[in-house]
Amino acid sequence: MRAIRFLVLILLAALIGAGTSLAAIGSGRADAFATQAAQLRQTWAADVAVGVPAATLAPLERQLSQGTPRGGWWSPVWWTHEGQPLLDRLQQETDAAYAGAVADQREAAELVLYTWRLEVNANQIYLVSSDPLAVQNASSELADATTPDQIIALAAEWQQQLTTMRAQIGAAQQAAVLAADVAAAGGPAGLLSQAASVAAQATGDQLDPGNVPILAAELQGALSRGSGVTQASDQLYEAIQDLNQAIVMNTELNASLRSTYLTVLQAEAEGVPGADAMMSQYQAVDQGLAAATTYEELDAVNQQMTDLQTSLTDGLTADECGHQPSAGKAITISLTYQEMVMYDNGCEVNATPVTTGRPSAPTNVGNWEVFQKLSPCLMHSPWPPGSALWYPDTVVQWAMQFQSGGYFIHDAYWEALSSYGPGSEYETWNDTASRGCVQTPTAIMGWLYNWTPLGTPVIITA
């Protein structure tokens, strides 16, 4: 019995010793893992603080959290698993992430430095002596930088220096171009001559000459004193260019004013929805152009003109078809708008301003049709010599009679293209107004003669 008890005691002692030993191993491994894991997290925080992207390290944090053995030091998992391979791998990936961040930022910085160096080499004549020296020093600065944030700061500083240098280069180049332009304009003497000419033209166009006269006087004074004239010449040259720009815009707006007006009349004659509003827009443009004296004011009118022309194009396009008569070809003439519109199956195919009969020999309102076509055609006055309506025998190229008694649609070589449209029916002082016929621009009349078959309706409205 004693022997059995003794053996039991020995076995119990062995079990207690083994348990104590395993607990010590588990506790040591858990503590070591926790210590190294904490060190890794500190390293990650420090790396982020010096410019390593947090997004690069976030996956490592997740791997550490997911790979940490569950349970306290007493857990059996620590008896067979120490976690060291995971920690070693995470340390290697941490080092790689840091090195990668340094390499990425160094590459970006080298690109800025390369661009900066190219700009310096290409623009030596515009640079101060410190610019090339700064580029030379930058290479050693980059070599001394060891953390991502140090390299980022260097790249940002170089980019700012590059931006500043480019602005200086641009200003120097602009000054060189301006000096060449002034020389090409004949120098100060040539500029003074141009200033007088452009100021006179602006005044004649009822535009404000701006500061051109003042700057011209300043340049003349500098020449008289024999003092430096570069700044005064540059300022006068630029003022002349600005004033010329206003003159050109004013000329272009005035040139397009009448054609825009005639297009508005076409919209009115066709009954385009919103045509009355377009006429109001035109009147605003007309008044604005008459009052505009500066480039800024002209530019505002130009925008109004553009908006109006867009409205006209859209309106005429949308209203192209759906007119009466809806079948076959037809010619409509509005006496109010002095506008002729040609339709085919209810769709507008052409339009033009015209000149209809003067008050003493008007074109008659009504529904007519083309019943005779002559090319050429001798126009013989039915009024005797001495009559206010008499005219000498005249040959026109194309004529289409639509009403008995000599009422024709015909070309009129004696009438200027700019004369057609509203008001032309009253131009009796130069005898271009019609005597009942419908005078049509030559280019349109040639097309119309060939387009129009006999029997084509001619619809004339007041």
Protein backbone atom coordinates (compact mmCIF):
# COMPACT_ATOMS: atom_id res chain seq x y z
CA MET A 1 0.00 0.00 0.00
CA ARG A 2 2.77 2.39 0.87
CA ALA A 3 4.42 1.74 -2.42
CA ILE A 4 1.24 2.61 -4.31
CA ARG A 5 0.77 5.84 -2.40
CA PHE A 6 4.34 6.79 -3.05
CA LEU A 7 3.91 6.30 -6.80
CA VAL A 8 0.74 8.37 -6.80
CA LEU A 9 2.53 11.20 -5.05
CA ILE A 10 5.38 11.05 -7.56
CA LEU A 11 2.91 11.20 -10.50
CA LEU A 12 1.07 14.14 -8.96
CA ALA A 13 4.31 16.00 -8.49
CA ALA A 14 5.30 15.38 -12.10
CA LEU A 15 1.95 16.63 -13.39
CA ILE A 16 2.16 19.76 -11.27
CA GLY A 17 5.69 20.42 -12.54
CA ALA A 18 4.70 19.96 -16.17
CA GLY A 19 1.72 22.28 -15.82
CA THR A 20 3.89 24.89 -14.18
CA SER A 21 6.44 24.62 -17.01
CA LEU A 22 3.79 24.93 -19.79
CA ALA A 23 2.25 27.93 -18.06
CA ALA A 24 5.63 29.59 -17.94
CA ILE A 25 6.21 28.93 -21.66
CA GLY A 26 2.76 30.26 -22.63
CA SER A 27 3.14 33.34 -20.48
CA GLY A 28 6.58 34.11 -21.96
CA ARG A 29 5.43 33.69 -25.54
CA ALA A 30 2.30 35.82 -25.02
CA ASP A 31 4.33 38.60 -23.41
CA ALA A 32 6.96 38.55 -26.15
CA PHE A 33 4.33 38.64 -28.89
CA ALA A 34 2.51 41.54 -27.25
CA THR A 35 5.75 43.48 -26.87
CA GLN A 36 6.78 43.05 -30.50
CA ALA A 37 3.25 43.78 -31.72
CA ALA A 38 3.26 47.03 -29.75
CA GLN A 39 6.64 47.91 -31.26
CA LEU A 40 5.26 47.29 -34.76
CA ARG A 41 2.32 49.58 -34.10
CA GLN A 42 4.65 52.27 -32.81
CA THR A 43 6.77 51.88 -35.96
CA TRP A 44 3.69 52.23 -38.16
CA ALA A 45 2.59 55.40 -36.35
CA ALA A 46 6.09 56.84 -36.68
CA ASP A 47 6.23 55.94 -40.38
CA VAL A 48 2.89 57.62 -41.08
CA ALA A 49 4.14 60.69 -39.24
CA VAL A 50 7.10 61.00 -41.64
CA GLY A 51 5.09 60.54 -44.81
CA VAL A 52 4.46 56.83 -45.38
CA PRO A 53 0.87 56.57 -46.70
CA ALA A 54 -1.45 55.22 -44.01
CA ALA A 55 -3.27 53.22 -46.67
CA THR A 56 -0.05 51.25 -47.28
CA LEU A 57 0.22 50.21 -43.63
CA ALA A 58 -3.48 49.61 -42.93
CA PRO A 59 -3.41 46.05 -44.40
CA LEU A 60 -0.50 45.17 -42.07
CA GLU A 61 -2.53 46.28 -39.07
CA ARG A 62 -5.41 44.06 -40.17
CA GLN A 63 -3.05 41.08 -40.63
CA LEU A 64 -1.65 41.59 -37.11
CA SER A 65 -5.12 41.83 -35.56
CA GLN A 66 -6.35 38.75 -37.41
CA GLY A 67 -3.16 36.72 -36.76
CA THR A 68 -2.83 37.39 -33.02
CA PRO A 69 -3.55 34.07 -31.11
CA ARG A 70 -6.78 34.20 -29.13
CA GLY A 71 -6.80 33.63 -25.36
CA GLY A 72 -4.63 34.75 -22.48
CA TRP A 73 -1.22 33.44 -21.51
CA TRP A 74 -2.88 30.42 -19.88
CA SER A 75 -4.44 29.38 -23.20
CA PRO A 76 -3.05 26.08 -24.59
CA VAL A 77 -2.57 27.87 -27.95
CA TRP A 78 0.59 29.51 -26.61
CA TRP A 79 2.12 26.10 -25.76
CA THR A 80 2.60 25.25 -29.47
CA HIS A 81 2.38 28.69 -31.24
CA GLU A 82 4.74 31.57 -30.56
CA GLY A 83 3.54 33.96 -33.41
CA GLN A 84 7.07 34.88 -34.40
CA PRO A 85 6.78 34.08 -38.15
CA LEU A 86 3.85 36.53 -38.44
CA LEU A 87 5.78 39.25 -36.64
CA ASP A 88 8.88 38.71 -38.79
CA ARG A 89 6.86 38.87 -42.01
CA LEU A 90 5.05 42.05 -40.89
CA GLN A 91 8.38 43.65 -40.01
CA GLN A 92 9.71 42.87 -43.49
CA GLU A 93 6.61 44.30 -45.14
CA THR A 94 6.87 47.38 -42.89
CA ASP A 95 10.43 47.96 -44.02
CA ALA A 96 9.39 47.46 -47.65
CA ALA A 97 6.51 49.94 -47.31
CA TYR A 98 8.87 52.56 -45.89
CA ALA A 99 11.44 51.99 -48.63
CA GLY A 100 8.71 52.11 -51.26
CA ALA A 101 7.36 55.42 -49.92
CA VAL A 102 10.87 56.90 -50.01
CA ALA A 103 11.42 55.62 -53.56
CA ASP A 104 8.07 56.97 -54.80
CA GLN A 105 8.64 60.43 -53.36
CA ARG A 106 12.23 60.50 -54.59
CA GLU A 107 11.04 59.65 -58.12
CA ALA A 108 8.43 62.43 -58.00
CA ALA A 109 11.01 64.90 -56.70
CA GLU A 110 13.50 63.92 -59.40
CA LEU A 111 10.84 64.61 -62.05
CA VAL A 112 10.34 68.13 -60.67
CA LEU A 113 14.10 68.61 -60.56
CA TYR A 114 14.47 67.34 -64.13
CA THR A 115 11.79 69.75 -65.39
CA TRP A 116 13.37 72.61 -63.47
CA ARG A 117 16.79 71.83 -64.94
CA LEU A 118 15.34 71.75 -68.47
CA GLU A 119 13.71 75.16 -67.98
CA VAL A 120 16.96 76.64 -66.70
CA ASN A 121 18.99 75.26 -69.62
CA ALA A 122 16.45 76.46 -72.20
CA ASN A 123 16.06 79.99 -70.83
CA GLN A 124 19.51 81.06 -69.68
CA ILE A 125 19.18 84.51 -71.23
CA TYR A 126 16.11 85.35 -69.12
CA LEU A 127 17.45 84.09 -65.74
CA VAL A 128 19.31 85.66 -62.87
CA SER A 129 22.55 83.98 -61.79
CA SER A 130 21.00 82.41 -58.70
CA ASP A 131 18.60 80.19 -60.68
CA PRO A 132 21.17 77.76 -62.15
CA LEU A 133 22.96 77.63 -58.79
CA ALA A 134 19.75 76.65 -57.02
CA VAL A 135 19.27 73.74 -59.43
CA GLN A 136 22.82 72.53 -58.81
CA ASN A 137 22.33 72.57 -55.03
CA ALA A 138 19.02 70.72 -55.30
CA SER A 139 20.67 67.42 -56.22
CA SER A 140 22.70 67.32 -53.00
CA GLU A 141 19.64 68.32 -50.99
CA LEU A 142 17.77 65.36 -52.41
CA ALA A 143 20.63 63.00 -51.60
CA ASP A 144 20.60 64.14 -47.94
CA ALA A 145 16.84 63.63 -47.51
CA THR A 146 15.99 60.26 -45.92
CA THR A 147 12.29 60.37 -45.02
CA PRO A 148 9.31 60.68 -47.35
CA ASP A 149 8.15 63.93 -45.79
CA GLN A 150 11.59 65.51 -46.21
CA ILE A 151 11.55 64.61 -49.89
CA ILE A 152 7.95 65.86 -50.26
CA ALA A 153 8.93 69.18 -48.71
CA LEU A 154 11.89 69.52 -51.08
CA ALA A 155 9.74 68.75 -54.13
CA ALA A 156 7.15 71.32 -53.04
CA GLU A 157 9.87 73.94 -52.54
CA TRP A 158 11.37 73.20 -55.97
CA GLN A 159 7.96 73.33 -57.64
CA GLN A 160 7.37 76.76 -56.12
CA GLN A 161 10.78 77.93 -57.33
CA LEU A 162 10.02 76.50 -60.77
CA THR A 163 6.67 78.29 -60.87
CA THR A 164 8.25 81.58 -59.83
CA MET A 165 11.03 81.17 -62.38
CA ARG A 166 8.52 80.43 -65.15
CA ALA A 167 6.64 83.60 -64.30
CA GLN A 168 9.89 85.57 -64.49
CA ILE A 169 10.74 83.94 -67.81
CA GLY A 170 7.26 84.70 -69.15
CA ALA A 171 7.52 88.34 -68.11
CA ALA A 172 10.98 88.63 -69.68
CA GLN A 173 9.80 86.99 -72.90
CA GLN A 174 6.75 89.27 -73.02
CA ALA A 175 8.98 92.29 -72.53
CA ALA A 176 11.24 91.11 -75.35
CA VAL A 177 8.27 90.57 -77.68
CA LEU A 178 6.88 93.97 -76.75
CA ALA A 179 10.23 95.61 -77.46
CA ALA A 180 10.32 93.90 -80.87
CA ASP A 181 6.76 95.02 -81.61
CA VAL A 182 7.60 98.60 -80.67
CA ALA A 183 10.63 98.48 -82.94
CA ALA A 184 8.54 97.02 -85.78
CA ALA A 185 6.03 99.85 -85.30
CA GLY A 186 8.80 102.35 -86.02
CA GLY A 187 9.93 103.04 -82.47
CA PRO A 188 8.63 106.03 -80.52
CA ALA A 189 8.16 108.16 -83.64
CA GLY A 190 6.17 105.45 -85.38
CA LEU A 191 4.03 104.92 -82.28
CA LEU A 192 3.21 108.63 -82.10
CA SER A 193 2.08 108.56 -85.72
CA GLN A 194 -0.05 105.45 -85.12
CA ALA A 195 -1.52 106.98 -81.98
CA ALA A 196 -2.69 110.06 -83.85
CA SER A 197 -4.21 107.93 -86.62
CA VAL A 198 -6.00 105.42 -84.39
CA ALA A 199 -7.31 108.15 -82.07
CA ALA A 200 -8.72 110.04 -85.05
CA GLN A 201 -10.37 106.88 -86.37
CA ALA A 202 -11.87 106.11 -82.97
CA THR A 203 -13.25 109.63 -82.70
CA GLY A 204 -14.70 109.33 -86.19
CA ASP A 205 -16.36 106.05 -85.19
CA GLN A 206 -17.71 107.77 -82.06
CA LEU A 207 -15.54 105.61 -79.82
CA ASP A 208 -13.62 106.65 -76.74
CA PRO A 209 -9.90 106.89 -77.65
CA GLY A 210 -9.11 105.96 -74.05
CA ASN A 211 -5.69 106.84 -72.73
CA VAL A 212 -3.99 106.79 -76.15
CA PRO A 213 -3.80 110.63 -76.38
CA ILE A 214 -2.52 110.91 -72.80
CA LEU A 215 0.16 108.24 -73.28
CA ALA A 216 1.15 109.79 -76.61
CA ALA A 217 1.66 113.12 -74.86
CA GLU A 218 3.76 111.42 -72.17
CA LEU A 219 5.94 109.74 -74.79
CA GLN A 220 6.34 113.03 -76.66
CA GLY A 221 7.39 114.68 -73.43
CA ALA A 222 9.94 111.96 -72.68
CA LEU A 223 11.39 112.37 -76.18
CA SER A 224 11.60 116.13 -75.72
CA ARG A 225 13.41 115.74 -72.40
CA GLY A 226 15.72 113.09 -73.78
CA SER A 227 14.77 110.77 -70.90
CA GLY A 228 14.08 107.05 -71.06
CA VAL A 229 11.22 106.21 -73.38
CA THR A 230 11.00 102.42 -73.05
CA GLN A 231 8.19 102.30 -70.50
CA ALA A 232 6.22 105.09 -72.19
CA SER A 233 6.63 103.38 -75.59
CA ASP A 234 5.50 100.01 -74.24
CA GLN A 235 2.44 101.50 -72.58
CA LEU A 236 1.45 103.45 -75.68
CA TYR A 237 1.90 100.42 -77.93
CA GLU A 238 -0.41 98.30 -75.76
CA ALA A 239 -3.00 101.10 -75.57
CA ILE A 240 -2.97 101.38 -79.37
CA GLN A 241 -3.56 97.62 -79.69
CA ASP A 242 -6.46 97.79 -77.26
CA LEU A 243 -8.05 100.69 -79.12
CA ASN A 244 -7.57 98.95 -82.46
CA GLN A 245 -9.35 95.93 -81.03
CA ALA A 246 -12.33 98.13 -80.13
CA ILE A 247 -12.34 99.70 -83.60
CA VAL A 248 -12.31 96.28 -85.28
CA MET A 249 -15.14 94.98 -83.10
CA ASN A 250 -17.19 98.12 -83.75
CA THR A 251 -16.66 97.71 -87.50
CA GLU A 252 -17.63 94.04 -87.44
CA LEU A 253 -20.75 94.68 -85.37
CA ASN A 254 -21.90 97.45 -87.68
CA ALA A 255 -21.22 95.24 -90.70
CA SER A 256 -23.40 92.43 -89.32
CA LEU A 257 -26.16 94.69 -88.03
CA ARG A 258 -28.11 94.99 -91.28
CA SER A 259 -27.91 91.30 -92.17
CA THR A 260 -29.15 90.45 -88.69
CA TYR A 261 -31.99 92.95 -89.10
CA LEU A 262 -33.00 91.39 -92.40
CA THR A 263 -33.02 87.95 -90.80
CA VAL A 264 -35.32 89.29 -88.08
CA LEU A 265 -37.60 90.61 -90.82
CA GLN A 266 -37.57 87.17 -92.41
CA ALA A 267 -38.65 85.68 -89.08
CA GLU A 268 -41.43 88.26 -88.87
CA ALA A 269 -42.53 87.59 -92.45
CA GLU A 270 -42.62 83.84 -91.84
CA GLY A 271 -44.51 84.23 -88.57
CA VAL A 272 -41.82 82.50 -86.52
CA PRO A 273 -42.95 82.17 -82.88
CA GLY A 274 -41.12 84.76 -80.77
CA ALA A 275 -40.28 86.94 -83.78
CA ASP A 276 -41.58 90.06 -81.99
CA ALA A 277 -39.24 89.34 -79.08
CA MET A 278 -36.39 88.92 -81.55
CA MET A 279 -37.22 92.32 -83.00
CA SER A 280 -37.04 93.77 -79.49
CA GLN A 281 -33.66 92.07 -79.05
CA TYR A 282 -32.48 93.60 -82.30
CA GLN A 283 -33.59 97.07 -81.24
CA ALA A 284 -31.66 96.64 -77.99
CA VAL A 285 -28.56 95.62 -79.96
CA ASP A 286 -28.99 98.56 -82.33
CA GLN A 287 -29.35 101.04 -79.48
CA GLY A 288 -26.53 99.45 -77.50
CA LEU A 289 -24.17 99.62 -80.47
CA ALA A 290 -25.01 103.26 -81.08
CA ALA A 291 -24.23 104.07 -77.44
CA ALA A 292 -21.13 101.87 -77.01
CA THR A 293 -17.84 103.75 -76.89
CA THR A 294 -15.43 101.29 -75.22
CA TYR A 295 -14.30 97.75 -75.92
CA GLU A 296 -16.08 96.48 -72.82
CA GLU A 297 -19.37 98.04 -73.94
CA LEU A 298 -18.90 96.72 -77.47
CA ASP A 299 -18.15 93.25 -76.12
CA ALA A 300 -21.44 93.32 -74.20
CA VAL A 301 -23.27 94.28 -77.41
CA ASN A 302 -21.44 91.50 -79.24
CA GLN A 303 -22.76 88.99 -76.72
CA GLN A 304 -26.29 90.33 -77.24
CA MET A 305 -25.82 90.04 -80.99
CA THR A 306 -24.60 86.44 -80.63
CA ASP A 307 -27.61 85.56 -78.46
CA LEU A 308 -29.97 87.13 -80.99
CA GLN A 309 -28.39 85.32 -83.93
CA THR A 310 -28.65 82.04 -82.04
CA SER A 311 -32.34 82.70 -81.35
CA LEU A 312 -32.91 83.51 -85.02
CA THR A 313 -31.17 80.38 -86.24
CA ASP A 314 -33.03 78.17 -83.79
CA GLY A 315 -36.37 79.84 -84.50
CA LEU A 316 -36.09 79.69 -88.29
CA THR A 317 -34.89 76.08 -88.16
CA ALA A 318 -37.75 74.99 -85.91
CA ASP A 319 -40.30 76.85 -88.05
CA GLU A 320 -38.93 75.76 -91.42
CA CYS A 321 -41.99 73.71 -92.40
CA GLY A 322 -45.73 73.77 -91.75
CA HIS A 323 -46.53 76.90 -93.75
CA GLN A 324 -49.36 77.56 -96.19
CA PRO A 325 -49.86 76.61 -98.90
CA SER A 326 -48.86 73.15 -97.77
CA ALA A 327 -48.52 71.64 -101.28
CA GLY A 328 -46.34 72.68 -104.19
CA LYS A 329 -44.19 75.78 -104.63
CA ALA A 330 -45.26 79.25 -103.52
CA ILE A 331 -43.78 82.75 -103.31
CA THR A 332 -44.89 85.05 -100.47
CA ILE A 333 -44.11 88.77 -100.29
CA SER A 334 -44.62 91.00 -97.24
CA LEU A 335 -44.95 94.70 -98.09
CA THR A 336 -44.43 95.68 -94.45
CA TYR A 337 -41.19 93.78 -94.10
CA GLN A 338 -40.15 94.04 -97.78
CA GLU A 339 -39.36 90.36 -97.57
CA MET A 340 -39.92 87.56 -100.07
CA VAL A 341 -39.99 83.94 -98.86
CA MET A 342 -40.14 80.90 -101.11
CA TYR A 343 -41.82 77.68 -99.94
CA ASP A 344 -41.93 74.15 -101.30
CA ASN A 345 -44.62 71.89 -99.84
CA GLY A 346 -44.93 74.25 -96.88
CA CYS A 347 -41.19 74.33 -96.15
CA GLU A 348 -39.10 77.49 -96.53
CA VAL A 349 -36.34 77.02 -99.10
CA ASN A 350 -35.08 80.59 -99.60
CA ALA A 351 -35.72 84.17 -98.56
CA THR A 352 -34.52 87.63 -99.52
CA PRO A 353 -35.24 91.30 -98.90
CA VAL A 354 -36.88 93.00 -101.88
CA THR A 355 -38.05 96.41 -103.04
CA THR A 356 -41.74 96.73 -103.89
CA GLY A 357 -43.69 99.58 -105.47
CA ARG A 358 -43.37 103.16 -104.30
CA PRO A 359 -46.43 104.85 -102.76
CA SER A 360 -47.42 106.45 -106.08
CA ALA A 361 -47.19 103.09 -107.91
CA PRO A 362 -47.65 100.40 -105.26
CA THR A 363 -47.41 96.64 -105.53
CA ASN A 364 -50.90 95.23 -105.10
CA VAL A 365 -51.90 93.01 -102.20
CA GLY A 366 -53.57 89.79 -103.31
CA ASN A 367 -53.19 86.19 -104.43
CA TRP A 368 -51.60 85.97 -107.88
CA GLU A 369 -49.60 83.46 -109.87
CA VAL A 370 -46.68 83.50 -112.30
CA PHE A 371 -48.09 83.34 -115.82
CA GLN A 372 -45.16 84.58 -117.92
CA LYS A 373 -41.37 84.21 -117.71
CA LEU A 374 -38.96 86.25 -119.86
CA SER A 375 -35.15 86.17 -120.02
CA PRO A 376 -34.01 88.73 -120.94
CA CYS A 377 -36.86 91.19 -120.71
CA LEU A 378 -37.21 94.74 -122.04
CA MET A 379 -39.00 96.92 -119.47
CA HIS A 380 -40.84 99.71 -121.35
CA SER A 381 -42.40 102.56 -119.40
CA PRO A 382 -46.20 102.75 -119.68
CA TRP A 383 -45.91 106.38 -118.51
CA PRO A 384 -44.99 109.07 -121.00
CA PRO A 385 -41.78 111.10 -120.87
CA GLY A 386 -42.17 113.99 -118.47
CA SER A 387 -44.21 111.90 -116.05
CA ALA A 388 -42.74 111.46 -112.58
CA LEU A 389 -43.06 107.71 -113.12
CA TRP A 390 -41.51 107.55 -116.61
CA TYR A 391 -38.30 105.59 -117.02
CA PRO A 392 -36.16 104.81 -120.09
CA ASP A 393 -36.25 101.40 -121.71
CA THR A 394 -34.40 99.01 -119.45
CA VAL A 395 -33.33 95.41 -120.00
CA VAL A 396 -33.36 93.02 -117.04
CA GLN A 397 -31.98 89.50 -117.11
CA TRP A 398 -34.90 87.65 -115.52
CA ALA A 399 -38.56 88.64 -115.18
CA MET A 400 -41.66 86.74 -114.07
CA GLN A 401 -45.06 88.42 -114.56
CA PHE A 402 -47.60 87.66 -111.83
CA GLN A 403 -50.31 90.32 -112.52
CA SER A 404 -51.55 91.77 -115.74
CA GLY A 405 -50.47 95.31 -116.47
CA GLY A 406 -46.73 94.71 -116.25
CA TYR A 407 -46.29 93.59 -112.65
CA PHE A 408 -43.11 91.50 -112.59
CA ILE A 409 -40.72 89.96 -110.13
CA HIS A 410 -37.36 90.85 -111.69
CA ASP A 411 -33.70 91.64 -111.02
CA ALA A 412 -32.62 95.29 -110.78
CA TYR A 413 -28.95 95.84 -111.53
CA TRP A 414 -29.30 99.55 -110.68
CA GLU A 415 -30.16 98.89 -107.04
CA ALA A 416 -27.38 98.27 -104.54
CA LEU A 417 -27.64 95.08 -102.52
CA SER A 418 -27.59 97.10 -99.31
CA SER A 419 -30.67 99.06 -100.42
CA TYR A 420 -33.16 96.19 -100.40
CA GLY A 421 -35.52 95.77 -97.46
CA PRO A 422 -37.77 98.07 -95.42
CA GLY A 423 -37.67 101.69 -96.61
CA SER A 424 -36.38 100.88 -100.08
CA GLU A 425 -39.89 101.35 -101.50
CA TYR A 426 -39.63 105.05 -100.56
CA GLU A 427 -36.24 105.71 -102.20
CA THR A 428 -37.65 107.83 -105.01
CA TRP A 429 -34.95 110.47 -104.68
CA ASN A 430 -32.45 108.25 -106.51
CA ASP A 431 -35.17 106.53 -108.58
CA THR A 432 -34.34 103.04 -107.30
CA ALA A 433 -37.78 102.43 -105.84
CA SER A 434 -40.06 100.18 -107.88
CA ARG A 435 -43.09 101.26 -109.87
CA GLY A 436 -45.20 98.27 -108.81
CA CYS A 437 -42.85 95.42 -109.65
CA VAL A 438 -40.95 93.41 -107.06
CA GLN A 439 -37.24 94.17 -107.50
CA THR A 440 -35.07 91.26 -106.35
CA PRO A 441 -31.30 90.95 -105.78
CA THR A 442 -29.61 89.58 -108.90
CA ALA A 443 -28.06 86.50 -107.28
CA ILE A 444 -31.40 85.41 -105.82
CA MET A 445 -33.35 86.27 -108.97
CA GLY A 446 -31.27 83.94 -111.12
CA TRP A 447 -32.01 81.06 -108.77
CA LEU A 448 -35.69 82.04 -108.42
CA TYR A 449 -36.28 82.20 -112.17
CA ASN A 450 -35.08 78.62 -112.63
CA TRP A 451 -36.85 77.38 -109.50
CA THR A 452 -40.28 78.82 -110.37
CA PRO A 453 -42.63 76.99 -112.79
CA LEU A 454 -45.51 78.76 -114.48
CA GLY A 455 -48.58 78.75 -112.27
CA THR A 456 -46.61 79.22 -109.04
CA PRO A 457 -48.74 81.17 -106.53
CA VAL A 458 -47.52 84.66 -105.59
CA ILE A 459 -49.10 85.72 -102.30
CA ILE A 460 -48.64 89.41 -101.45
CA THR A 461 -49.64 90.65 -98.00
CA ALA A 462 -49.60 94.11 -96.49
